[in-house]
Amino acid sequence: MSLKKSILIIILVLLVDQISKVYIKTSFSLGDGVKVFDWFQILFVENEGMAWGAKIPGEYGKLFLTVFRLIAIVGIGYWLWDSVRKKASRVLVVAIALIFAGAFGNIIDSVFYGLLFNDSHHQVATFLPADGGYGTLLHGKVVDMLYFPLWKGYLPEWLPFWGGKFFTFFDPVFNIADMSISTGVGLLIAFNKRAFPKKEIEA
């Protein structure tokens, strides 16, 4: 698979990801949502840290995370270029392109959204507000909106630790970039032998 085709995949994912995020950010206030089906909602939340809402504590935790993401994206980009150069399998190149696109999409939020938008608490944010954004460079929040509460209810009392507690499956809220990363990783797992074929050892 050529580098041009992999770049096209990255551009398409980034466009869908960023268009959806800008729309949500400029159309909803934080916590607002739309129920599409019982098992699917559009719900606007912001993620200040890593996946699953985890955070790095401390004053410079957010800055460290963003810098780490920037370093990681360089590594993923090199992996993609090197895989294309070595004529790796199509599934590997597609998977890396999806992972790169998703990581880059969330990096855009982390790096620039603090400057580009004002706060979304109790109001719909404005793009390029006259009085400045809600944060500084490298301190933006990642916009999430896809919510799939497939099942909600109380767990059986006999379950250890969680018995009798209210439980939602699936609870995390995510975005197109997260889906792209998950799809790329899923391809690597599902088609591991095609993605990383073993070289035959000559006798």
Protein backbone atom coordinates (compact mmCIF):
# COMPACT_ATOMS: atom_id res chain seq x y z
CA MET A 1 0.00 0.00 0.00
CA SER A 2 1.37 3.40 -1.00
CA LEU A 3 2.11 6.28 1.36
CA LYS A 4 -0.36 8.47 -0.58
CA LYS A 5 -3.23 6.08 0.16
CA SER A 6 -2.33 5.89 3.84
CA ILE A 7 -2.19 9.70 4.00
CA LEU A 8 -5.64 9.82 2.38
CA ILE A 9 -6.99 7.57 5.15
CA ILE A 10 -5.43 9.87 7.76
CA ILE A 11 -6.91 13.01 6.16
CA LEU A 12 -10.41 11.49 5.92
CA VAL A 13 -10.37 10.39 9.57
CA LEU A 14 -9.07 13.78 10.71
CA LEU A 15 -11.75 15.64 8.73
CA VAL A 16 -14.61 13.56 10.18
CA ASP A 17 -13.10 13.76 13.67
CA GLN A 18 -12.50 17.50 13.71
CA ILE A 19 -15.76 18.44 11.97
CA SER A 20 -17.72 16.40 14.52
CA LYS A 21 -15.80 17.93 17.44
CA VAL A 22 -16.17 21.52 16.24
CA TYR A 23 -19.89 20.95 15.65
CA ILE A 24 -20.40 19.52 19.13
CA LYS A 25 -18.28 22.21 20.78
CA THR A 26 -20.17 25.05 19.04
CA SER A 27 -23.65 23.51 19.34
CA PHE A 28 -23.81 22.00 22.85
CA SER A 29 -22.91 23.14 26.32
CA LEU A 30 -21.01 20.69 28.51
CA GLY A 31 -23.25 17.78 29.56
CA ASP A 32 -25.91 18.39 26.89
CA GLY A 33 -26.92 15.48 24.71
CA VAL A 34 -29.36 14.02 22.23
CA LYS A 35 -30.90 10.56 22.60
CA VAL A 36 -30.70 8.84 19.21
CA PHE A 37 -31.69 5.36 20.42
CA ASP A 38 -32.03 3.79 23.86
CA TRP A 39 -28.53 2.36 23.37
CA PHE A 40 -26.90 5.37 21.65
CA GLN A 41 -26.65 9.02 22.60
CA ILE A 42 -24.75 12.10 21.51
CA LEU A 43 -23.39 13.40 24.82
CA PHE A 44 -20.89 16.26 25.06
CA VAL A 45 -18.13 15.73 27.60
CA GLU A 46 -14.52 16.85 27.73
CA ASN A 47 -11.59 14.67 28.65
CA GLU A 48 -8.77 16.48 30.44
CA GLY A 49 -6.48 13.49 30.56
CA MET A 50 -5.89 10.04 29.16
CA ALA A 51 -8.28 7.35 28.00
CA TRP A 52 -11.18 6.49 30.33
CA GLY A 53 -10.91 9.96 31.87
CA ALA A 54 -7.74 9.16 33.82
CA LYS A 55 -5.54 12.12 34.72
CA ILE A 56 -1.91 12.69 35.55
CA PRO A 57 -1.88 14.51 38.90
CA GLY A 58 0.08 17.66 39.56
CA GLU A 59 0.40 21.12 38.09
CA TYR A 60 2.27 19.92 35.02
CA GLY A 61 0.39 16.65 34.49
CA LYS A 62 -1.60 17.91 31.50
CA LEU A 63 1.48 19.46 29.90
CA PHE A 64 3.45 16.23 30.35
CA LEU A 65 0.64 14.21 28.75
CA THR A 66 0.42 16.49 25.71
CA VAL A 67 4.20 16.48 25.19
CA PHE A 68 4.20 12.68 25.51
CA ARG A 69 1.46 12.50 22.85
CA LEU A 70 3.51 14.69 20.51
CA ILE A 71 6.55 12.45 20.92
CA ALA A 72 4.42 9.33 20.44
CA ILE A 73 2.87 10.64 17.20
CA VAL A 74 6.37 11.16 15.75
CA GLY A 75 7.16 7.53 16.54
CA ILE A 76 3.91 6.29 14.99
CA GLY A 77 4.56 8.44 11.91
CA TYR A 78 8.00 6.90 11.49
CA TRP A 79 6.51 3.41 11.94
CA LEU A 80 4.04 4.15 9.15
CA TRP A 81 6.71 5.53 6.79
CA ASP A 82 9.05 2.63 7.51
CA SER A 83 6.29 0.05 6.99
CA VAL A 84 5.38 1.53 3.61
CA ARG A 85 9.06 1.67 2.64
CA LYS A 86 9.49 -1.99 3.50
CA LYS A 87 6.31 -2.88 1.58
CA ALA A 88 4.59 -4.27 4.67
CA SER A 89 1.17 -5.90 4.44
CA ARG A 90 -1.84 -3.74 3.61
CA VAL A 91 -3.53 -4.55 6.91
CA LEU A 92 -0.50 -3.32 8.86
CA VAL A 93 -0.27 -0.04 6.93
CA VAL A 94 -4.02 0.60 7.25
CA ALA A 95 -3.90 -0.17 10.99
CA ILE A 96 -0.97 2.18 11.60
CA ALA A 97 -2.63 4.91 9.51
CA LEU A 98 -5.81 4.62 11.62
CA ILE A 99 -3.84 4.73 14.88
CA PHE A 100 -1.85 7.75 13.63
CA ALA A 101 -5.01 9.58 12.53
CA GLY A 102 -6.76 8.97 15.84
CA ALA A 103 -3.77 10.00 17.91
CA PHE A 104 -3.26 13.12 15.80
CA GLY A 105 -6.95 14.03 16.06
CA ASN A 106 -6.82 14.04 19.85
CA ILE A 107 -3.50 15.89 19.82
CA ILE A 108 -5.15 18.76 17.90
CA ASP A 109 -7.64 19.10 20.77
CA SER A 110 -4.94 18.96 23.45
CA VAL A 111 -2.65 21.45 21.74
CA PHE A 112 -5.02 24.02 20.22
CA TYR A 113 -8.57 23.83 21.61
CA GLY A 114 -7.70 25.85 24.71
CA LEU A 115 -6.84 28.73 22.40
CA LEU A 116 -9.57 28.24 19.80
CA PHE A 117 -12.66 27.98 22.04
CA ASN A 118 -13.97 29.54 25.22
CA ASP A 119 -15.45 27.56 28.09
CA SER A 120 -18.42 25.22 27.54
CA HIS A 121 -19.79 25.29 31.09
CA HIS A 122 -23.44 26.47 31.02
CA GLN A 123 -22.94 27.94 27.54
CA VAL A 124 -22.24 27.02 23.93
CA ALA A 125 -18.60 27.73 23.14
CA THR A 126 -17.54 30.26 20.53
CA PHE A 127 -14.86 29.57 17.94
CA LEU A 128 -12.04 32.15 18.18
CA PRO A 129 -13.68 34.20 20.96
CA ALA A 130 -12.71 37.87 21.17
CA ASP A 131 -11.75 37.57 24.85
CA GLY A 132 -9.55 34.53 24.30
CA GLY A 133 -9.89 30.80 24.84
CA TYR A 134 -10.40 28.78 28.01
CA GLY A 135 -6.77 27.68 28.19
CA THR A 136 -3.29 28.04 26.80
CA LEU A 137 -1.27 26.23 24.16
CA LEU A 138 -0.84 22.52 25.03
CA HIS A 139 -3.59 22.70 27.67
CA GLY A 140 -6.71 21.95 25.63
CA LYS A 141 -9.37 19.36 26.50
CA VAL A 142 -10.33 16.49 24.21
CA VAL A 143 -13.95 16.64 22.99
CA ASP A 144 -15.94 13.39 23.33
CA MET A 145 -19.52 12.78 22.22
CA LEU A 146 -20.29 9.14 21.34
CA TYR A 147 -22.06 7.32 24.17
CA PHE A 148 -23.34 3.74 23.95
CA PRO A 149 -25.15 2.77 27.20
CA LEU A 150 -26.02 -0.70 25.87
CA TRP A 151 -27.39 -1.87 29.24
CA LYS A 152 -28.29 -0.20 32.51
CA GLY A 153 -29.46 -1.88 35.68
CA TYR A 154 -28.64 -3.22 39.11
CA LEU A 155 -26.20 -6.09 39.30
CA PRO A 156 -27.18 -9.30 41.15
CA GLU A 157 -26.55 -9.22 44.89
CA TRP A 158 -24.46 -12.40 44.76
CA LEU A 159 -21.71 -10.75 42.70
CA PRO A 160 -18.61 -9.95 44.79
CA PHE A 161 -17.64 -6.26 45.19
CA TRP A 162 -20.25 -4.90 42.70
CA GLY A 163 -23.33 -6.84 43.77
CA GLY A 164 -26.46 -4.70 44.09
CA LYS A 165 -24.82 -1.64 42.55
CA PHE A 166 -26.18 0.25 39.52
CA PHE A 167 -24.10 -0.52 36.44
CA THR A 168 -23.93 0.82 32.88
CA PHE A 169 -22.44 -1.12 30.00
CA PHE A 170 -20.82 0.55 28.01
CA ASP A 171 -20.13 3.68 30.11
CA PRO A 172 -17.18 5.59 28.53
CA VAL A 173 -17.87 8.48 26.14
CA PHE A 174 -15.48 8.68 23.20
CA ASN A 175 -14.95 10.28 19.77
CA ILE A 176 -14.09 9.43 16.16
CA ALA A 177 -10.36 9.62 16.91
CA ASP A 178 -10.75 7.06 19.70
CA MET A 179 -12.70 4.81 17.33
CA SER A 180 -9.93 5.09 14.76
CA ILE A 181 -7.28 4.09 17.29
CA SER A 182 -9.40 1.19 18.56
CA THR A 183 -10.08 -0.02 15.01
CA GLY A 184 -6.38 0.11 14.17
CA VAL A 185 -5.44 -1.85 17.29
CA GLY A 186 -8.29 -4.28 16.61
CA LEU A 187 -6.96 -4.93 13.10
CA LEU A 188 -3.51 -5.69 14.49
CA ILE A 189 -4.98 -8.15 16.98
CA ALA A 190 -7.48 -9.81 14.62
CA PHE A 191 -5.08 -10.08 11.69
CA ASN A 192 -1.86 -10.45 13.63
CA LYS A 193 -0.39 -13.12 11.36
CA ARG A 194 -1.07 -11.06 8.23
CA ALA A 195 0.17 -7.84 9.82
CA PHE A 196 3.37 -9.42 11.12
CA PRO A 197 4.13 -12.42 8.89
CA LYS A 198 7.00 -14.60 10.06
CA LYS A 199 9.93 -14.74 7.68
CA GLU A 200 10.84 -18.22 6.56
CA ILE A 201 14.28 -19.26 7.70
CA GLU A 202 16.37 -20.54 4.82
CA ALA A 203 17.88 -23.98 5.36
